[in-house]
Amino acid sequence: MPFYDHRLRARTPHGGGWPIKLLDPDQLWAHYAATPDPQTAELDMLDAFTSGLRADVRAALIDSALALPYANLGRTKRERKQHGIRGAKETRRRRTR
């Protein structure tokens, strides 16, 4: 499985999942369900999380404007969470022609 093969700082495989790799895998549960529209389902779950936050909790976040769960670094490609972490992934290599 690519996620379990991911090496911290690597861009592939599954480079976006690095925050989960920082947790104790023996203490994690992965829940999933099939859906005909995964993108809408994900946005709905993120919106439900955000709407459930108390105002004082949201205000204490690094990015209170885009309050997302721990490992979610963005809501869409254009909406990226300001998490304050730098250098978590290897430098992107330029493609040569």
N, C-alpha and C. Protein backbone atom coordinates (compact mmCIF):
# COMPACT_ATOMS: atom_id res chain seq x y z
N MET A 1 0.84 -1.17 0.00
CA MET A 1 0.00 0.00 0.00
C MET A 1 0.89 1.24 0.00
N PRO A 2 0.68 2.17 -0.93
CA PRO A 2 1.56 3.33 -1.05
C PRO A 2 1.66 4.17 0.22
N PHE A 3 0.58 4.35 0.94
CA PHE A 3 0.64 5.19 2.13
C PHE A 3 1.62 4.63 3.14
N TYR A 4 1.59 3.33 3.36
CA TYR A 4 2.48 2.72 4.35
C TYR A 4 3.92 2.69 3.88
N ASP A 5 4.14 2.79 2.57
CA ASP A 5 5.49 2.81 2.03
C ASP A 5 6.09 4.20 2.02
N HIS A 6 5.30 5.20 2.35
CA HIS A 6 5.78 6.59 2.29
C HIS A 6 6.91 6.83 3.28
N ARG A 7 7.96 7.50 2.80
CA ARG A 7 9.10 7.90 3.63
C ARG A 7 8.93 9.38 3.93
N LEU A 8 9.06 9.76 5.19
CA LEU A 8 8.91 11.16 5.56
C LEU A 8 9.81 12.04 4.71
N ARG A 9 9.32 13.18 4.32
CA ARG A 9 9.92 14.19 3.46
C ARG A 9 9.82 13.85 1.98
N ALA A 10 9.53 12.61 1.62
CA ALA A 10 9.43 12.24 0.21
C ALA A 10 8.15 12.83 -0.38
N ARG A 11 8.19 13.16 -1.65
CA ARG A 11 7.01 13.68 -2.33
C ARG A 11 6.11 12.56 -2.80
N THR A 12 6.65 11.37 -3.02
CA THR A 12 5.85 10.22 -3.46
C THR A 12 6.31 8.98 -2.72
N PRO A 13 5.58 7.94 -2.59
CA PRO A 13 4.15 7.90 -2.84
C PRO A 13 3.38 8.55 -1.69
N HIS A 14 2.27 9.10 -1.98
CA HIS A 14 1.33 9.69 -1.01
C HIS A 14 1.99 10.77 -0.16
N GLY A 15 2.64 11.72 -0.81
CA GLY A 15 3.34 12.79 -0.11
C GLY A 15 2.47 13.67 0.75
N GLY A 16 1.18 13.76 0.43
CA GLY A 16 0.28 14.60 1.21
C GLY A 16 -0.11 14.00 2.55
N GLY A 17 0.19 12.75 2.77
CA GLY A 17 -0.21 12.10 4.00
C GLY A 17 0.83 12.10 5.11
N TRP A 18 1.89 12.89 4.95
CA TRP A 18 2.98 12.85 5.94
C TRP A 18 2.55 13.19 7.36
N PRO A 19 1.56 14.08 7.61
CA PRO A 19 1.21 14.35 9.02
C PRO A 19 0.72 13.10 9.76
N ILE A 20 0.04 12.22 9.05
CA ILE A 20 -0.45 10.98 9.68
C ILE A 20 0.72 10.09 10.07
N LYS A 21 1.78 10.10 9.27
CA LYS A 21 2.95 9.27 9.57
C LYS A 21 3.65 9.68 10.86
N LEU A 22 3.36 10.89 11.36
CA LEU A 22 3.97 11.35 12.60
C LEU A 22 3.27 10.79 13.84
N LEU A 23 2.10 10.21 13.64
CA LEU A 23 1.34 9.64 14.76
C LEU A 23 1.71 8.18 14.96
N ASP A 24 1.33 7.63 16.08
CA ASP A 24 1.60 6.22 16.39
C ASP A 24 0.62 5.35 15.61
N PRO A 25 1.10 4.58 14.61
CA PRO A 25 0.19 3.79 13.78
C PRO A 25 -0.57 2.72 14.56
N ASP A 26 -0.05 2.32 15.71
CA ASP A 26 -0.76 1.31 16.51
C ASP A 26 -1.96 1.91 17.23
N GLN A 27 -2.07 3.22 17.26
CA GLN A 27 -3.17 3.89 17.94
C GLN A 27 -4.18 4.50 16.96
N LEU A 28 -4.04 4.22 15.68
CA LEU A 28 -4.90 4.83 14.67
C LEU A 28 -5.95 3.86 14.14
N TRP A 29 -7.08 4.41 13.79
CA TRP A 29 -8.14 3.68 13.11
C TRP A 29 -8.46 4.42 11.83
N ALA A 30 -8.51 3.74 10.73
CA ALA A 30 -8.89 4.37 9.46
C ALA A 30 -10.33 3.99 9.16
N HIS A 31 -11.18 4.98 9.05
CA HIS A 31 -12.59 4.76 8.72
C HIS A 31 -12.83 5.22 7.29
N TYR A 32 -13.61 4.47 6.56
CA TYR A 32 -13.87 4.85 5.18
C TYR A 32 -15.24 4.35 4.76
N ALA A 33 -15.74 4.91 3.69
CA ALA A 33 -17.01 4.49 3.12
C ALA A 33 -16.98 4.81 1.63
N ALA A 34 -17.64 3.98 0.86
CA ALA A 34 -17.74 4.23 -0.58
C ALA A 34 -18.74 5.35 -0.83
N THR A 35 -18.45 6.17 -1.83
CA THR A 35 -19.35 7.25 -2.20
C THR A 35 -19.24 7.49 -3.70
N PRO A 36 -20.33 7.84 -4.35
CA PRO A 36 -20.24 8.10 -5.79
C PRO A 36 -19.56 9.44 -6.10
N ASP A 37 -19.45 10.33 -5.11
CA ASP A 37 -18.86 11.65 -5.33
C ASP A 37 -17.90 11.97 -4.18
N PRO A 38 -16.68 11.41 -4.20
CA PRO A 38 -15.75 11.58 -3.07
C PRO A 38 -15.34 13.03 -2.82
N GLN A 39 -15.23 13.84 -3.85
CA GLN A 39 -14.81 15.23 -3.64
C GLN A 39 -15.86 16.02 -2.86
N THR A 40 -17.12 15.84 -3.20
CA THR A 40 -18.20 16.51 -2.47
C THR A 40 -18.29 15.97 -1.05
N ALA A 41 -18.15 14.66 -0.90
CA ALA A 41 -18.21 14.06 0.44
C ALA A 41 -17.10 14.60 1.33
N GLU A 42 -15.89 14.74 0.78
CA GLU A 42 -14.78 15.28 1.57
C GLU A 42 -15.05 16.72 1.99
N LEU A 43 -15.52 17.54 1.06
CA LEU A 43 -15.83 18.93 1.40
C LEU A 43 -16.94 19.01 2.45
N ASP A 44 -17.94 18.14 2.33
CA ASP A 44 -19.02 18.12 3.33
C ASP A 44 -18.48 17.75 4.71
N MET A 45 -17.57 16.78 4.78
CA MET A 45 -16.99 16.38 6.07
C MET A 45 -16.13 17.51 6.65
N LEU A 46 -15.35 18.18 5.81
CA LEU A 46 -14.53 19.29 6.30
C LEU A 46 -15.41 20.44 6.79
N ASP A 47 -16.50 20.71 6.07
CA ASP A 47 -17.43 21.76 6.51
C ASP A 47 -18.10 21.39 7.83
N ALA A 48 -18.45 20.11 7.99
CA ALA A 48 -19.06 19.66 9.25
C ALA A 48 -18.08 19.82 10.41
N PHE A 49 -16.82 19.48 10.18
CA PHE A 49 -15.79 19.66 11.21
C PHE A 49 -15.68 21.13 11.60
N THR A 50 -15.55 21.99 10.60
CA THR A 50 -15.38 23.43 10.85
C THR A 50 -16.58 24.01 11.59
N SER A 51 -17.77 23.65 11.18
CA SER A 51 -18.96 24.21 11.82
C SER A 51 -19.14 23.72 13.25
N GLY A 52 -18.49 22.61 13.59
CA GLY A 52 -18.59 22.07 14.94
C GLY A 52 -17.58 22.62 15.93
N LEU A 53 -16.65 23.44 15.45
CA LEU A 53 -15.63 24.00 16.34
C LEU A 53 -16.19 25.13 17.20
N ARG A 54 -15.83 25.11 18.47
CA ARG A 54 -16.18 26.24 19.34
C ARG A 54 -15.36 27.45 18.91
N ALA A 55 -15.89 28.64 19.10
CA ALA A 55 -15.24 29.87 18.69
C ALA A 55 -13.87 30.04 19.35
N ASP A 56 -13.73 29.68 20.63
CA ASP A 56 -12.45 29.84 21.31
C ASP A 56 -11.40 28.87 20.77
N VAL A 57 -11.83 27.69 20.38
CA VAL A 57 -10.90 26.71 19.79
C VAL A 57 -10.45 27.21 18.42
N ARG A 58 -11.39 27.64 17.62
CA ARG A 58 -11.06 28.15 16.28
C ARG A 58 -10.11 29.34 16.37
N ALA A 59 -10.35 30.24 17.30
CA ALA A 59 -9.51 31.44 17.45
C ALA A 59 -8.08 31.08 17.85
N ALA A 60 -7.87 29.95 18.49
CA ALA A 60 -6.54 29.54 18.94
C ALA A 60 -5.73 28.83 17.85
N LEU A 61 -6.34 28.53 16.72
CA LEU A 61 -5.63 27.84 15.64
C LEU A 61 -4.65 28.76 14.94
N ILE A 62 -3.60 28.18 14.36
CA ILE A 62 -2.64 28.96 13.59
C ILE A 62 -3.35 29.65 12.43
N ASP A 63 -4.26 28.92 11.76
CA ASP A 63 -5.03 29.50 10.66
C ASP A 63 -6.51 29.38 11.01
N SER A 64 -7.02 30.37 11.72
CA SER A 64 -8.42 30.32 12.13
C SER A 64 -9.36 30.60 10.96
N ALA A 65 -8.85 31.17 9.86
CA ALA A 65 -9.68 31.42 8.69
C ALA A 65 -9.98 30.14 7.92
N LEU A 66 -9.08 29.17 7.97
CA LEU A 66 -9.28 27.88 7.30
C LEU A 66 -9.04 26.78 8.33
N ALA A 67 -10.01 26.60 9.19
CA ALA A 67 -9.92 25.62 10.28
C ALA A 67 -10.17 24.23 9.71
N LEU A 68 -9.14 23.39 9.75
CA LEU A 68 -9.24 22.03 9.23
C LEU A 68 -8.69 21.05 10.25
N PRO A 69 -9.09 19.78 10.14
CA PRO A 69 -8.52 18.76 11.03
C PRO A 69 -7.00 18.67 10.88
N TYR A 70 -6.37 18.06 11.85
CA TYR A 70 -4.91 17.97 11.97
C TYR A 70 -4.19 17.72 10.64
N ALA A 71 -4.49 16.66 9.96
CA ALA A 71 -3.70 16.26 8.79
C ALA A 71 -4.18 16.87 7.49
N ASN A 72 -5.27 17.59 7.50
CA ASN A 72 -5.75 18.22 6.27
C ASN A 72 -5.02 19.54 6.06
N LEU A 73 -4.26 19.61 4.99
CA LEU A 73 -3.45 20.79 4.71
C LEU A 73 -4.15 21.77 3.78
N GLY A 74 -5.27 21.37 3.24
CA GLY A 74 -6.02 22.25 2.37
C GLY A 74 -7.44 21.73 2.19
N ARG A 75 -8.31 22.62 1.80
CA ARG A 75 -9.70 22.26 1.52
C ARG A 75 -9.83 21.98 0.03
N THR A 76 -9.21 22.80 -0.79
CA THR A 76 -9.12 22.61 -2.23
C THR A 76 -7.69 22.96 -2.63
N LYS A 77 -7.37 22.82 -3.91
CA LYS A 77 -6.01 23.17 -4.35
C LYS A 77 -5.72 24.65 -4.15
N ARG A 78 -6.74 25.48 -4.16
CA ARG A 78 -6.55 26.92 -3.98
C ARG A 78 -6.64 27.34 -2.52
N GLU A 79 -7.26 26.54 -1.69
CA GLU A 79 -7.40 26.87 -0.27
C GLU A 79 -6.42 26.02 0.53
N ARG A 80 -5.28 26.58 0.86
CA ARG A 80 -4.24 25.86 1.60
C ARG A 80 -4.16 26.41 3.01
N LYS A 81 -4.09 25.52 3.98
CA LYS A 81 -4.01 25.91 5.38
C LYS A 81 -2.63 26.51 5.68
N GLN A 82 -2.60 27.61 6.40
CA GLN A 82 -1.35 28.21 6.86
C GLN A 82 -0.97 27.50 8.16
N HIS A 83 -0.17 26.45 8.05
CA HIS A 83 0.13 25.61 9.21
C HIS A 83 1.47 25.95 9.86
N GLY A 84 2.30 26.73 9.20
CA GLY A 84 3.56 27.15 9.79
C GLY A 84 4.68 26.15 9.66
N ILE A 85 4.45 25.03 9.01
CA ILE A 85 5.48 24.00 8.86
C ILE A 85 6.20 24.22 7.53
N ARG A 86 7.52 24.24 7.58
CA ARG A 86 8.33 24.41 6.38
C ARG A 86 9.34 23.27 6.29
N GLY A 87 9.67 22.89 5.08
CA GLY A 87 10.69 21.86 4.87
C GLY A 87 10.22 20.45 5.16
N ALA A 88 8.91 20.22 5.17
CA ALA A 88 8.40 18.89 5.47
C ALA A 88 8.53 17.93 4.30
N LYS A 89 8.66 18.48 3.10
CA LYS A 89 8.82 17.65 1.91
C LYS A 89 10.13 18.01 1.22
N GLU A 90 10.66 17.04 0.48
CA GLU A 90 11.85 17.29 -0.31
C GLU A 90 11.57 18.42 -1.30
N THR A 91 12.61 19.13 -1.69
CA THR A 91 12.45 20.18 -2.69
C THR A 91 11.96 19.58 -3.99
N ARG A 92 10.99 20.25 -4.59
CA ARG A 92 10.45 19.77 -5.86
C ARG A 92 11.53 19.89 -6.94
N ARG A 93 11.72 18.83 -7.70
CA ARG A 93 12.72 18.83 -8.76
C ARG A 93 12.11 19.43 -10.01
N ARG A 94 12.91 20.24 -10.70
CA ARG A 94 12.44 20.79 -11.97
C ARG A 94 12.52 19.71 -13.04
N ARG A 95 11.50 19.72 -13.86
CA ARG A 95 11.48 18.75 -14.96
C ARG A 95 12.41 19.21 -16.06
N THR A 96 13.13 18.26 -16.63
CA THR A 96 14.00 18.58 -17.76
C THR A 96 13.32 18.10 -19.03
N ARG A 97 13.56 18.80 -20.09
CA ARG A 97 12.91 18.45 -21.36
C ARG A 97 13.72 17.48 -22.15
